[in-house]
Amino acid sequence: MDFDLTQTDHLLSTTRAVRKRLDLERPVPRELILDCVRISTQAPAGGNHQKWRWVIVDDPDKKLVIAEAYRRSYAPYIAAQKKAVAQAGTAAASDSIIDSSTYLAEILHDVPALAIPCALGRPADAGDKGGSQQGWWGSVIPAVWSYCIAARSRGLGTAWTTLHLPGEAEVGEALGIPDTVTQLACIPTAYYTGDDFKLARRKPAEQVTYWNSWKNTDIA
């Protein structure tokens, strides 16, 4: 089957972290979220173990527990980010990101659905089974990105966040997630406002691709 590269490349290159443009008023049907999860389960998985599980939270009280854990981590995180930006003298380039991140922290509990991707087991146990932590994470993280891609193609915005994870135990208790299960992220999921998304500024592929040895960018 021939793919429409214009469409696929646009999808892959414009799946942005959506914060300010999340539609907080429009409910997201559970069946639509299930479609995104269904796509995510086709992601690669080491040994085909399929360790991923999804907890979708649309209950207001439980969303608030996640949001409060997120905000507790956000305060010191953003303070450190602002300090680093000031020291680097790149405030102008970072102000909009900090602004949108702060907005997300403030309204997280109002997002229609918070998707918590989980993995059976703990990464520290990978070595006991002859594997590595890289392999452990590599078997579950692709499914999370597939969820974000599937959401984007269905008119939904997402943002990959991890700041609630210092409160993983508290969130796990509220959601009934056992401590033998690893929470991977929190993915706010909502319809987005506006029309479309643009390409982000990135370094050219030629600068970040090395051929046969570190920092050898000579393609000839």
N, C-alpha and C. Protein backbone atom coordinates (compact mmCIF):
# COMPACT_ATOMS: atom_id res chain seq x y z
N MET A 1 0.84 -1.19 0.00
CA MET A 1 0.00 0.00 0.00
C MET A 1 0.88 1.24 0.00
N ASP A 2 0.58 2.18 -0.88
CA ASP A 2 1.30 3.44 -0.91
C ASP A 2 0.70 4.40 0.11
N PHE A 3 1.56 5.03 0.90
CA PHE A 3 1.10 6.02 1.87
C PHE A 3 1.15 7.41 1.25
N ASP A 4 0.25 8.25 1.69
CA ASP A 4 0.29 9.65 1.33
C ASP A 4 1.31 10.32 2.25
N LEU A 5 2.55 10.47 1.77
CA LEU A 5 3.61 10.98 2.63
C LEU A 5 3.34 12.40 3.08
N THR A 6 2.61 13.16 2.28
CA THR A 6 2.28 14.52 2.70
C THR A 6 1.46 14.49 3.99
N GLN A 7 0.50 13.59 4.05
CA GLN A 7 -0.36 13.48 5.22
C GLN A 7 0.38 12.87 6.41
N THR A 8 1.09 11.77 6.17
CA THR A 8 1.77 11.12 7.28
C THR A 8 2.89 12.00 7.84
N ASP A 9 3.63 12.66 6.98
CA ASP A 9 4.70 13.54 7.46
C ASP A 9 4.12 14.72 8.22
N HIS A 10 2.99 15.23 7.76
CA HIS A 10 2.36 16.36 8.46
C HIS A 10 1.90 15.91 9.85
N LEU A 11 1.31 14.74 9.93
CA LEU A 11 0.85 14.22 11.21
C LEU A 11 2.01 14.06 12.18
N LEU A 12 3.09 13.44 11.71
CA LEU A 12 4.22 13.16 12.58
C LEU A 12 4.98 14.41 12.99
N SER A 13 5.00 15.40 12.12
CA SER A 13 5.81 16.59 12.39
C SER A 13 5.02 17.73 13.04
N THR A 14 3.73 17.56 13.20
CA THR A 14 2.93 18.63 13.83
C THR A 14 2.13 18.11 15.03
N THR A 15 2.54 16.98 15.59
CA THR A 15 1.94 16.52 16.84
C THR A 15 2.66 17.23 17.97
N ARG A 16 2.07 18.31 18.41
CA ARG A 16 2.69 19.21 19.38
C ARG A 16 2.18 18.92 20.80
N ALA A 17 2.91 19.42 21.79
CA ALA A 17 2.40 19.45 23.16
C ALA A 17 1.35 20.56 23.24
N VAL A 18 0.11 20.18 23.46
CA VAL A 18 -1.00 21.15 23.45
C VAL A 18 -1.35 21.49 24.89
N ARG A 19 -1.31 22.77 25.19
CA ARG A 19 -1.62 23.23 26.55
C ARG A 19 -2.73 24.29 26.51
N LYS A 20 -2.40 25.47 25.99
CA LYS A 20 -3.37 26.56 25.99
C LYS A 20 -4.53 26.31 25.05
N ARG A 21 -4.36 25.45 24.07
CA ARG A 21 -5.41 25.23 23.08
C ARG A 21 -6.26 24.00 23.38
N LEU A 22 -6.14 23.45 24.58
CA LEU A 22 -7.04 22.36 24.97
C LEU A 22 -8.44 22.92 25.21
N ASP A 23 -9.43 22.28 24.62
CA ASP A 23 -10.82 22.71 24.80
C ASP A 23 -11.36 22.11 26.09
N LEU A 24 -11.54 22.94 27.10
CA LEU A 24 -11.95 22.46 28.41
C LEU A 24 -13.46 22.26 28.52
N GLU A 25 -14.19 22.70 27.52
CA GLU A 25 -15.66 22.66 27.59
C GLU A 25 -16.26 21.47 26.85
N ARG A 26 -15.55 20.92 25.91
CA ARG A 26 -16.12 19.88 25.04
C ARG A 26 -15.73 18.49 25.54
N PRO A 27 -16.68 17.69 25.96
CA PRO A 27 -16.35 16.34 26.45
C PRO A 27 -15.73 15.48 25.34
N VAL A 28 -14.86 14.58 25.75
CA VAL A 28 -14.25 13.64 24.80
C VAL A 28 -14.91 12.27 24.99
N PRO A 29 -15.56 11.74 23.96
CA PRO A 29 -16.23 10.44 24.11
C PRO A 29 -15.24 9.34 24.49
N ARG A 30 -15.66 8.48 25.38
CA ARG A 30 -14.80 7.38 25.79
C ARG A 30 -14.44 6.47 24.63
N GLU A 31 -15.37 6.29 23.71
CA GLU A 31 -15.08 5.43 22.56
C GLU A 31 -13.94 6.01 21.71
N LEU A 32 -13.86 7.33 21.64
CA LEU A 32 -12.79 7.96 20.87
C LEU A 32 -11.44 7.72 21.54
N ILE A 33 -11.42 7.80 22.86
CA ILE A 33 -10.19 7.50 23.60
C ILE A 33 -9.82 6.03 23.42
N LEU A 34 -10.82 5.16 23.44
CA LEU A 34 -10.55 3.74 23.21
C LEU A 34 -9.93 3.51 21.84
N ASP A 35 -10.36 4.27 20.83
CA ASP A 35 -9.76 4.17 19.51
C ASP A 35 -8.27 4.48 19.57
N CYS A 36 -7.91 5.50 20.33
CA CYS A 36 -6.50 5.89 20.46
C CYS A 36 -5.70 4.80 21.18
N VAL A 37 -6.29 4.24 22.24
CA VAL A 37 -5.63 3.15 22.96
C VAL A 37 -5.48 1.95 22.05
N ARG A 38 -6.50 1.69 21.25
CA ARG A 38 -6.46 0.55 20.33
C ARG A 38 -5.28 0.67 19.37
N ILE A 39 -5.06 1.87 18.86
CA ILE A 39 -3.91 2.10 17.99
C ILE A 39 -2.61 1.92 18.77
N SER A 40 -2.57 2.40 20.01
CA SER A 40 -1.34 2.34 20.80
C SER A 40 -0.90 0.91 21.07
N THR A 41 -1.85 -0.02 21.13
CA THR A 41 -1.49 -1.40 21.44
C THR A 41 -0.77 -2.10 20.28
N GLN A 42 -0.70 -1.44 19.13
CA GLN A 42 0.05 -2.00 18.01
C GLN A 42 1.52 -1.56 18.03
N ALA A 43 1.91 -0.79 19.04
CA ALA A 43 3.30 -0.36 19.15
C ALA A 43 4.20 -1.56 19.45
N PRO A 44 5.49 -1.45 19.11
CA PRO A 44 6.40 -2.56 19.40
C PRO A 44 6.53 -2.81 20.89
N ALA A 45 6.71 -4.07 21.25
CA ALA A 45 6.86 -4.45 22.65
C ALA A 45 7.88 -5.57 22.75
N GLY A 46 8.89 -5.39 23.58
CA GLY A 46 9.92 -6.42 23.73
C GLY A 46 9.33 -7.76 24.12
N GLY A 47 9.66 -8.80 23.38
CA GLY A 47 9.14 -10.13 23.66
C GLY A 47 7.65 -10.25 23.48
N ASN A 48 7.04 -9.24 22.90
CA ASN A 48 5.58 -9.18 22.74
C ASN A 48 4.86 -9.36 24.08
N HIS A 49 5.47 -8.84 25.15
CA HIS A 49 4.87 -9.01 26.48
C HIS A 49 3.69 -8.07 26.71
N GLN A 50 3.62 -6.96 25.97
CA GLN A 50 2.47 -6.05 26.06
C GLN A 50 2.16 -5.66 27.51
N LYS A 51 3.16 -5.06 28.14
CA LYS A 51 3.05 -4.73 29.57
C LYS A 51 2.23 -3.47 29.84
N TRP A 52 1.83 -2.77 28.77
CA TRP A 52 1.15 -1.49 28.99
C TRP A 52 -0.29 -1.68 29.45
N ARG A 53 -0.73 -0.76 30.26
CA ARG A 53 -2.13 -0.65 30.68
C ARG A 53 -2.47 0.84 30.69
N TRP A 54 -3.74 1.17 30.53
CA TRP A 54 -4.15 2.57 30.49
C TRP A 54 -5.23 2.81 31.54
N VAL A 55 -5.04 3.83 32.34
CA VAL A 55 -6.08 4.28 33.27
C VAL A 55 -6.53 5.65 32.77
N ILE A 56 -7.76 5.72 32.30
CA ILE A 56 -8.32 6.98 31.78
C ILE A 56 -9.17 7.61 32.88
N VAL A 57 -8.84 8.82 33.23
CA VAL A 57 -9.49 9.47 34.37
C VAL A 57 -10.34 10.64 33.87
N ASP A 58 -11.65 10.51 34.03
CA ASP A 58 -12.55 11.61 33.71
C ASP A 58 -13.45 11.98 34.89
N ASP A 59 -13.22 11.36 36.03
CA ASP A 59 -13.93 11.70 37.25
C ASP A 59 -13.32 12.97 37.85
N PRO A 60 -14.10 14.01 38.12
CA PRO A 60 -13.55 15.29 38.58
C PRO A 60 -12.71 15.18 39.86
N ASP A 61 -13.17 14.40 40.83
CA ASP A 61 -12.43 14.29 42.09
C ASP A 61 -11.08 13.61 41.88
N LYS A 62 -11.06 12.61 41.04
CA LYS A 62 -9.79 11.90 40.81
C LYS A 62 -8.86 12.71 39.94
N LYS A 63 -9.41 13.47 39.01
CA LYS A 63 -8.56 14.39 38.23
C LYS A 63 -7.91 15.41 39.15
N LEU A 64 -8.64 15.84 40.16
CA LEU A 64 -8.10 16.83 41.09
C LEU A 64 -6.92 16.27 41.88
N VAL A 65 -6.98 15.01 42.26
CA VAL A 65 -5.86 14.38 42.96
C VAL A 65 -4.60 14.42 42.09
N ILE A 66 -4.77 14.08 40.81
CA ILE A 66 -3.63 14.10 39.89
C ILE A 66 -3.10 15.52 39.73
N ALA A 67 -4.02 16.46 39.56
CA ALA A 67 -3.62 17.85 39.34
C ALA A 67 -2.89 18.42 40.55
N GLU A 68 -3.33 18.08 41.74
CA GLU A 68 -2.67 18.59 42.94
C GLU A 68 -1.27 18.01 43.08
N ALA A 69 -1.10 16.73 42.76
CA ALA A 69 0.24 16.13 42.78
C ALA A 69 1.12 16.79 41.74
N TYR A 70 0.55 17.07 40.59
CA TYR A 70 1.28 17.74 39.51
C TYR A 70 1.73 19.13 39.95
N ARG A 71 0.85 19.87 40.54
CA ARG A 71 1.17 21.25 40.93
C ARG A 71 2.23 21.31 42.02
N ARG A 72 2.24 20.33 42.92
CA ARG A 72 3.27 20.31 43.96
C ARG A 72 4.66 20.15 43.35
N SER A 73 4.76 19.36 42.30
CA SER A 73 6.05 19.18 41.63
C SER A 73 6.36 20.34 40.71
N TYR A 74 5.31 20.97 40.18
CA TYR A 74 5.52 22.02 39.19
C TYR A 74 6.21 23.24 39.79
N ALA A 75 5.86 23.61 41.00
CA ALA A 75 6.40 24.83 41.61
C ALA A 75 7.93 24.81 41.67
N PRO A 76 8.56 23.77 42.26
CA PRO A 76 10.04 23.77 42.27
C PRO A 76 10.63 23.56 40.89
N TYR A 77 9.93 22.79 40.05
CA TYR A 77 10.43 22.54 38.69
C TYR A 77 10.51 23.84 37.90
N ILE A 78 9.46 24.62 37.91
CA ILE A 78 9.45 25.84 37.10
C ILE A 78 10.40 26.88 37.68
N ALA A 79 10.58 26.87 39.00
CA ALA A 79 11.54 27.79 39.60
C ALA A 79 12.96 27.48 39.10
N ALA A 80 13.28 26.19 39.02
CA ALA A 80 14.59 25.79 38.51
C ALA A 80 14.74 26.13 37.03
N GLN A 81 13.65 25.97 36.27
CA GLN A 81 13.70 26.29 34.85
C GLN A 81 13.93 27.79 34.63
N LYS A 82 13.24 28.61 35.40
CA LYS A 82 13.39 30.06 35.27
C LYS A 82 14.81 30.49 35.63
N LYS A 83 15.39 29.86 36.65
CA LYS A 83 16.76 30.18 37.04
C LYS A 83 17.73 29.81 35.93
N ALA A 84 17.53 28.63 35.33
CA ALA A 84 18.41 28.20 34.25
C ALA A 84 18.29 29.11 33.04
N VAL A 85 17.07 29.52 32.74
CA VAL A 85 16.85 30.42 31.60
C VAL A 85 17.53 31.76 31.84
N ALA A 86 17.40 32.28 33.06
CA ALA A 86 18.03 33.56 33.39
C ALA A 86 19.54 33.49 33.27
N GLN A 87 20.10 32.38 33.72
CA GLN A 87 21.55 32.22 33.66
C GLN A 87 22.04 32.08 32.23
N ALA A 88 21.22 31.45 31.39
CA ALA A 88 21.61 31.24 30.00
C ALA A 88 21.30 32.45 29.13
N GLY A 89 20.49 33.38 29.65
CA GLY A 89 20.13 34.56 28.87
C GLY A 89 19.23 34.26 27.70
N THR A 90 18.37 33.26 27.84
CA THR A 90 17.48 32.86 26.74
C THR A 90 16.02 33.07 27.12
N ALA A 91 15.75 34.07 27.93
CA ALA A 91 14.39 34.27 28.44
C ALA A 91 13.37 34.44 27.33
N ALA A 92 13.71 35.21 26.31
CA ALA A 92 12.74 35.48 25.25
C ALA A 92 12.28 34.21 24.57
N ALA A 93 13.21 33.27 24.37
CA ALA A 93 12.88 32.02 23.68
C ALA A 93 12.09 31.06 24.56
N SER A 94 12.17 31.26 25.88
CA SER A 94 11.56 30.30 26.80
C SER A 94 10.30 30.81 27.48
N ASP A 95 10.04 32.11 27.41
CA ASP A 95 8.90 32.69 28.12
C ASP A 95 7.58 32.05 27.71
N SER A 96 7.40 31.82 26.43
CA SER A 96 6.12 31.27 25.96
C SER A 96 5.93 29.84 26.44
N ILE A 97 7.02 29.08 26.49
CA ILE A 97 6.91 27.69 26.97
C ILE A 97 6.58 27.67 28.45
N ILE A 98 7.25 28.51 29.22
CA ILE A 98 6.98 28.59 30.65
C ILE A 98 5.54 29.05 30.89
N ASP A 99 5.10 30.03 30.11
CA ASP A 99 3.75 30.56 30.26
C ASP A 99 2.70 29.48 29.99
N SER A 100 2.89 28.72 28.90
CA SER A 100 1.91 27.70 28.57
C SER A 100 1.98 26.54 29.56
N SER A 101 3.18 26.24 30.08
CA SER A 101 3.31 25.18 31.07
C SER A 101 2.61 25.57 32.37
N THR A 102 2.74 26.82 32.74
CA THR A 102 2.06 27.30 33.95
C THR A 102 0.55 27.24 33.78
N TYR A 103 0.09 27.60 32.61
CA TYR A 103 -1.35 27.52 32.33
C TYR A 103 -1.85 26.08 32.49
N LEU A 104 -1.11 25.11 31.93
CA LEU A 104 -1.53 23.72 32.03
C LEU A 104 -1.60 23.28 33.49
N ALA A 105 -0.62 23.67 34.28
CA ALA A 105 -0.63 23.29 35.70
C ALA A 105 -1.87 23.84 36.40
N GLU A 106 -2.27 25.02 36.01
CA GLU A 106 -3.42 25.66 36.66
C GLU A 106 -4.75 25.03 36.28
N ILE A 107 -4.86 24.53 35.05
CA ILE A 107 -6.17 24.04 34.58
C ILE A 107 -6.21 22.52 34.41
N LEU A 108 -5.18 21.82 34.84
CA LEU A 108 -5.10 20.38 34.56
C LEU A 108 -6.34 19.63 35.01
N HIS A 109 -6.89 20.00 36.16
CA HIS A 109 -8.07 19.29 36.68
C HIS A 109 -9.31 19.52 35.84
N ASP A 110 -9.28 20.53 34.96
CA ASP A 110 -10.44 20.83 34.11
C ASP A 110 -10.36 20.16 32.74
N VAL A 111 -9.23 19.55 32.42
CA VAL A 111 -9.10 18.87 31.13
C VAL A 111 -10.07 17.68 31.10
N PRO A 112 -10.81 17.48 30.02
CA PRO A 112 -11.83 16.43 30.00
C PRO A 112 -11.36 15.04 30.40
N ALA A 113 -10.15 14.66 29.96
CA ALA A 113 -9.66 13.33 30.31
C ALA A 113 -8.15 13.38 30.54
N LEU A 114 -7.71 12.70 31.58
CA LEU A 114 -6.29 12.52 31.86
C LEU A 114 -5.97 11.05 31.67
N ALA A 115 -5.12 10.76 30.71
CA ALA A 115 -4.75 9.37 30.43
C ALA A 115 -3.45 9.05 31.17
N ILE A 116 -3.49 8.02 32.00
CA ILE A 116 -2.31 7.58 32.75
C ILE A 116 -1.84 6.26 32.15
N PRO A 117 -0.83 6.28 31.27
CA PRO A 117 -0.28 5.03 30.77
C PRO A 117 0.57 4.37 31.85
N CYS A 118 0.42 3.08 31.99
CA CYS A 118 1.12 2.33 33.02
C CYS A 118 1.82 1.13 32.41
N ALA A 119 2.76 0.57 33.16
CA ALA A 119 3.44 -0.65 32.73
C ALA A 119 3.48 -1.63 33.88
N LEU A 120 3.20 -2.88 33.60
CA LEU A 120 3.28 -3.91 34.62
C LEU A 120 4.73 -4.07 35.05
N GLY A 121 4.97 -4.09 36.36
CA GLY A 121 6.33 -4.24 36.88
C GLY A 121 6.99 -2.90 37.14
N ARG A 122 8.26 -2.98 37.54
CA ARG A 122 9.06 -1.79 37.83
C ARG A 122 10.35 -1.88 37.01
N PRO A 123 10.84 -0.75 36.51
CA PRO A 123 12.05 -0.78 35.68
C PRO A 123 13.26 -1.32 36.41
N ALA A 124 13.32 -1.14 37.74
CA ALA A 124 14.46 -1.64 38.50
C ALA A 124 14.55 -3.15 38.48
N ASP A 125 13.42 -3.81 38.16
CA ASP A 125 13.40 -5.28 38.13
C ASP A 125 13.92 -5.85 36.82
N ALA A 126 14.18 -4.99 35.84
CA ALA A 126 14.56 -5.48 34.51
C ALA A 126 15.82 -6.33 34.56
N GLY A 127 16.81 -5.90 35.34
CA GLY A 127 18.07 -6.65 35.41
C GLY A 127 17.90 -8.03 36.00
N ASP A 128 16.92 -8.21 36.88
CA ASP A 128 16.69 -9.52 37.49
C ASP A 128 16.21 -10.54 36.48
N LYS A 129 15.70 -10.05 35.35
CA LYS A 129 15.17 -10.95 34.33
C LYS A 129 16.06 -11.01 33.10
N GLY A 130 17.32 -10.57 33.27
CA GLY A 130 18.27 -10.65 32.17
C GLY A 130 18.16 -9.53 31.17
N GLY A 131 17.37 -8.52 31.46
CA GLY A 131 17.20 -7.41 30.53
C GLY A 131 17.91 -6.16 31.02
N SER A 132 17.51 -5.04 30.46
CA SER A 132 18.09 -3.75 30.84
C SER A 132 16.97 -2.75 31.02
N GLN A 133 17.27 -1.67 31.73
CA GLN A 133 16.25 -0.63 31.87
C GLN A 133 15.93 0.00 30.53
N GLN A 134 16.94 0.12 29.66
CA GLN A 134 16.66 0.67 28.32
C GLN A 134 15.63 -0.19 27.59
N GLY A 135 15.80 -1.49 27.69
CA GLY A 135 14.85 -2.39 27.04
C GLY A 135 13.48 -2.33 27.68
N TRP A 136 13.47 -2.17 29.01
CA TRP A 136 12.19 -2.09 29.73
C TRP A 136 11.39 -0.87 29.27
N TRP A 137 12.05 0.30 29.28
CA TRP A 137 11.37 1.51 28.85
C TRP A 137 11.03 1.46 27.37
N GLY A 138 11.93 0.90 26.58
CA GLY A 138 11.69 0.83 25.14
C GLY A 138 10.53 -0.06 24.75
N SER A 139 10.10 -0.90 25.68
CA SER A 139 8.97 -1.79 25.40
C SER A 139 7.62 -1.16 25.72
N VAL A 140 7.63 0.01 26.38
CA VAL A 140 6.35 0.60 26.78
C VAL A 140 6.17 2.04 26.28
N ILE A 141 7.27 2.79 26.16
CA ILE A 141 7.16 4.19 25.76
C ILE A 141 6.60 4.37 24.34
N PRO A 142 6.98 3.53 23.36
CA PRO A 142 6.42 3.74 22.01
C PRO A 142 4.89 3.74 21.98
N ALA A 143 4.26 2.95 22.85
CA ALA A 143 2.79 2.90 22.87
C ALA A 143 2.21 4.23 23.30
N VAL A 144 2.90 4.93 24.20
CA VAL A 144 2.40 6.22 24.66
C VAL A 144 2.43 7.24 23.53
N TRP A 145 3.52 7.24 22.78
CA TRP A 145 3.60 8.18 21.65
C TRP A 145 2.58 7.82 20.58
N SER A 146 2.34 6.54 20.36
CA SER A 146 1.32 6.13 19.40
C SER A 146 -0.05 6.66 19.81
N TYR A 147 -0.31 6.66 21.09
CA TYR A 147 -1.58 7.23 21.60
C TYR A 147 -1.67 8.70 21.23
N CYS A 148 -0.58 9.44 21.42
CA CYS A 148 -0.59 10.88 21.11
C CYS A 148 -0.80 11.12 19.61
N ILE A 149 -0.16 10.29 18.79
CA ILE A 149 -0.32 10.41 17.34
C ILE A 149 -1.76 10.10 16.94
N ALA A 150 -2.31 9.02 17.50
CA ALA A 150 -3.69 8.64 17.18
C ALA A 150 -4.66 9.73 17.61
N ALA A 151 -4.40 10.35 18.76
CA ALA A 151 -5.26 11.43 19.23
C ALA A 151 -5.19 12.62 18.27
N ARG A 152 -4.00 12.98 17.86
CA ARG A 152 -3.81 14.11 16.94
C ARG A 152 -4.60 13.89 15.65
N SER A 153 -4.57 12.67 15.12
CA SER A 153 -5.24 12.39 13.86
C SER A 153 -6.76 12.42 14.00
N ARG A 154 -7.24 12.40 15.24
CA ARG A 154 -8.68 12.42 15.50
C ARG A 154 -9.16 13.76 16.05
N GLY A 155 -8.32 14.79 15.91
CA GLY A 155 -8.71 16.12 16.35
C GLY A 155 -8.54 16.38 17.82
N LEU A 156 -7.75 15.53 18.49
CA LEU A 156 -7.52 15.70 19.92
C LEU A 156 -6.11 16.23 20.16
N GLY A 157 -5.98 17.07 21.18
CA GLY A 157 -4.67 17.56 21.59
C GLY A 157 -4.20 16.82 22.82
N THR A 158 -2.90 16.62 22.93
CA THR A 158 -2.32 15.96 24.10
C THR A 158 -1.05 16.68 24.50
N ALA A 159 -0.59 16.40 25.69
CA ALA A 159 0.72 16.87 26.15
C ALA A 159 1.31 15.77 27.02
N TRP A 160 2.54 15.40 26.74
CA TRP A 160 3.21 14.35 27.52
C TRP A 160 3.76 15.00 28.78
N THR A 161 3.23 14.67 29.93
CA THR A 161 3.69 15.26 31.18
C THR A 161 4.11 14.15 32.15
N THR A 162 5.02 14.49 33.04
CA THR A 162 5.49 13.51 34.03
C THR A 162 5.58 14.10 35.44
N LEU A 163 5.16 15.34 35.63
CA LEU A 163 5.37 16.01 36.90
C LEU A 163 4.52 15.46 38.04
N HIS A 164 3.52 14.65 37.75
CA HIS A 164 2.75 14.07 38.85
C HIS A 164 3.47 12.87 39.46
N LEU A 165 4.52 12.38 38.79
CA LEU A 165 5.12 11.10 39.19
C LEU A 165 5.80 11.11 40.56
N PRO A 166 6.34 12.25 41.05
CA PRO A 166 6.79 12.22 42.44
C PRO A 166 5.67 11.88 43.43
N GLY A 167 4.43 12.12 43.03
CA GLY A 167 3.27 11.74 43.83
C GLY A 167 2.62 10.46 43.32
N GLU A 168 3.41 9.61 42.69
CA GLU A 168 2.87 8.38 42.08
C GLU A 168 2.11 7.53 43.10
N ALA A 169 2.62 7.42 44.31
CA ALA A 169 1.97 6.57 45.31
C ALA A 169 0.59 7.13 45.67
N GLU A 170 0.52 8.43 45.86
CA GLU A 170 -0.75 9.08 46.20
C GLU A 170 -1.76 8.92 45.07
N VAL A 171 -1.30 9.17 43.84
CA VAL A 171 -2.20 9.02 42.69
C VAL A 171 -2.60 7.57 42.52
N GLY A 172 -1.63 6.68 42.70
CA GLY A 172 -1.94 5.25 42.58
C GLY A 172 -2.99 4.81 43.57
N GLU A 173 -2.91 5.32 44.80
CA GLU A 173 -3.92 4.97 45.81
C GLU A 173 -5.30 5.46 45.39
N ALA A 174 -5.36 6.68 44.86
CA ALA A 174 -6.66 7.24 44.45
C ALA A 174 -7.26 6.47 43.28
N LEU A 175 -6.40 5.95 42.41
CA LEU A 175 -6.88 5.26 41.22
C LEU A 175 -6.87 3.74 41.35
N GLY A 176 -6.42 3.24 42.49
CA GLY A 176 -6.37 1.79 42.68
C GLY A 176 -5.26 1.12 41.90
N ILE A 177 -4.22 1.86 41.56
CA ILE A 177 -3.08 1.29 40.83
C ILE A 177 -2.10 0.69 41.84
N PRO A 178 -1.81 -0.60 41.77
CA PRO A 178 -0.90 -1.20 42.75
C PRO A 178 0.52 -0.70 42.60
N ASP A 179 1.31 -0.80 43.68
CA ASP A 179 2.67 -0.28 43.64
C ASP A 179 3.62 -1.18 42.84
N THR A 180 3.12 -2.30 42.35
CA THR A 180 3.91 -3.15 41.45
C THR A 180 3.78 -2.71 40.00
N VAL A 181 2.99 -1.66 39.77
CA VAL A 181 2.75 -1.12 38.43
C VAL A 181 3.40 0.26 38.35
N THR A 182 4.06 0.55 37.23
CA THR A 182 4.74 1.82 37.04
C THR A 182 3.89 2.77 36.22
N GLN A 183 3.61 3.93 36.77
CA GLN A 183 2.95 4.98 35.99
C GLN A 183 4.01 5.65 35.11
N LEU A 184 3.72 5.80 33.84
CA LEU A 184 4.70 6.30 32.89
C LEU A 184 4.58 7.80 32.64
N ALA A 185 3.37 8.33 32.71
CA ALA A 185 3.13 9.72 32.35
C ALA A 185 1.70 10.09 32.70
N CYS A 186 1.37 11.32 32.45
CA CYS A 186 -0.02 11.78 32.48
C CYS A 186 -0.24 12.54 31.18
N ILE A 187 -1.18 12.10 30.38
CA ILE A 187 -1.44 12.68 29.07
C ILE A 187 -2.78 13.39 29.08
N PRO A 188 -2.81 14.72 29.31
CA PRO A 188 -4.07 15.46 29.17
C PRO A 188 -4.61 15.27 27.75
N THR A 189 -5.89 14.97 27.65
CA THR A 189 -6.49 14.67 26.35
C THR A 189 -7.78 15.46 26.19
N ALA A 190 -7.84 16.26 25.12
CA ALA A 190 -9.02 17.09 24.87
C ALA A 190 -9.05 17.45 23.39
N TYR A 191 -10.21 17.86 22.91
CA TYR A 191 -10.25 18.49 21.59
C TYR A 191 -9.41 19.76 21.67
N TYR A 192 -8.83 20.14 20.54
CA TYR A 192 -8.06 21.38 20.56
C TYR A 192 -8.80 22.47 19.80
N THR A 193 -8.52 23.69 20.17
CA THR A 193 -9.13 24.85 19.51
C THR A 193 -8.20 25.34 18.40
N GLY A 194 -8.75 26.11 17.49
CA GLY A 194 -7.95 26.59 16.37
C GLY A 194 -7.94 25.59 15.22
N ASP A 195 -7.14 25.89 14.23
CA ASP A 195 -7.15 25.08 13.02
C ASP A 195 -6.12 23.96 13.00
N ASP A 196 -4.85 24.32 13.00
CA ASP A 196 -3.82 23.30 12.82
C ASP A 196 -2.58 23.70 13.60
N PHE A 197 -1.52 22.90 13.50
CA PHE A 197 -0.27 23.19 14.18
C PHE A 197 0.85 23.29 13.17
N LYS A 198 1.85 24.08 13.51
CA LYS A 198 2.97 24.30 12.61
C LYS A 198 4.16 23.45 13.01
N LEU A 199 5.13 23.38 12.11
CA LEU A 199 6.39 22.72 12.44
C LEU A 199 7.09 23.50 13.55
N ALA A 200 7.78 22.78 14.41
CA ALA A 200 8.58 23.43 15.44
C ALA A 200 9.98 23.71 14.91
N ARG A 201 10.66 24.62 15.56
CA ARG A 201 12.04 24.89 15.18
C ARG A 201 12.93 23.76 15.70
N ARG A 202 13.63 23.14 14.81
CA ARG A 202 14.51 22.03 15.16
C ARG A 202 15.84 22.17 14.42
N LYS A 203 16.87 21.57 14.97
CA LYS A 203 18.15 21.54 14.27
C LYS A 203 18.02 20.69 13.02
N PRO A 204 18.74 21.03 11.96
CA PRO A 204 18.67 20.24 10.72
C PRO A 204 19.12 18.80 10.97
N ALA A 205 18.49 17.87 10.26
CA ALA A 205 18.85 16.46 10.39
C ALA A 205 20.33 16.23 10.13
N GLU A 206 20.90 17.02 9.20
CA GLU A 206 22.31 16.86 8.85
C GLU A 206 23.24 17.16 10.04
N GLN A 207 22.76 18.00 10.97
CA GLN A 207 23.60 18.36 12.12
C GLN A 207 23.52 17.33 13.25
N VAL A 208 22.48 16.57 13.28
CA VAL A 208 22.29 15.63 14.40
C VAL A 208 22.44 14.18 13.97
N THR A 209 22.83 13.95 12.71
CA THR A 209 23.02 12.60 12.20
C THR A 209 24.50 12.34 11.99
N TYR A 210 25.02 11.31 12.62
CA TYR A 210 26.44 10.94 12.49
C TYR A 210 26.56 9.61 11.76
N TRP A 211 27.53 9.53 10.89
CA TRP A 211 27.71 8.34 10.05
C TRP A 211 28.93 7.56 10.50
N ASN A 212 28.67 6.39 11.08
CA ASN A 212 29.69 5.40 11.46
C ASN A 212 30.58 5.80 12.63
N SER A 213 30.62 7.06 13.01
CA SER A 213 31.38 7.47 14.19
C SER A 213 30.81 8.76 14.74
N TRP A 214 31.03 9.00 16.04
CA TRP A 214 30.46 10.15 16.73
C TRP A 214 30.91 11.46 16.09
N LYS A 215 29.94 12.30 15.79
CA LYS A 215 30.13 13.63 15.22
C LYS A 215 30.65 13.64 13.79
N ASN A 216 30.64 12.50 13.13
CA ASN A 216 30.98 12.48 11.71
C ASN A 216 29.71 12.74 10.90
N THR A 217 29.56 13.96 10.41
CA THR A 217 28.35 14.35 9.69
C THR A 217 28.55 14.30 8.18
N ASP A 218 29.68 13.79 7.73
CA ASP A 218 29.99 13.74 6.30
C ASP A 218 29.18 12.64 5.64
N ILE A 219 28.22 13.04 4.81
CA ILE A 219 27.33 12.05 4.18
C ILE A 219 27.96 11.44 2.92
N ALA A 220 29.03 12.05 2.43
CA ALA A 220 29.64 11.57 1.19
C ALA A 220 30.35 10.23 1.41
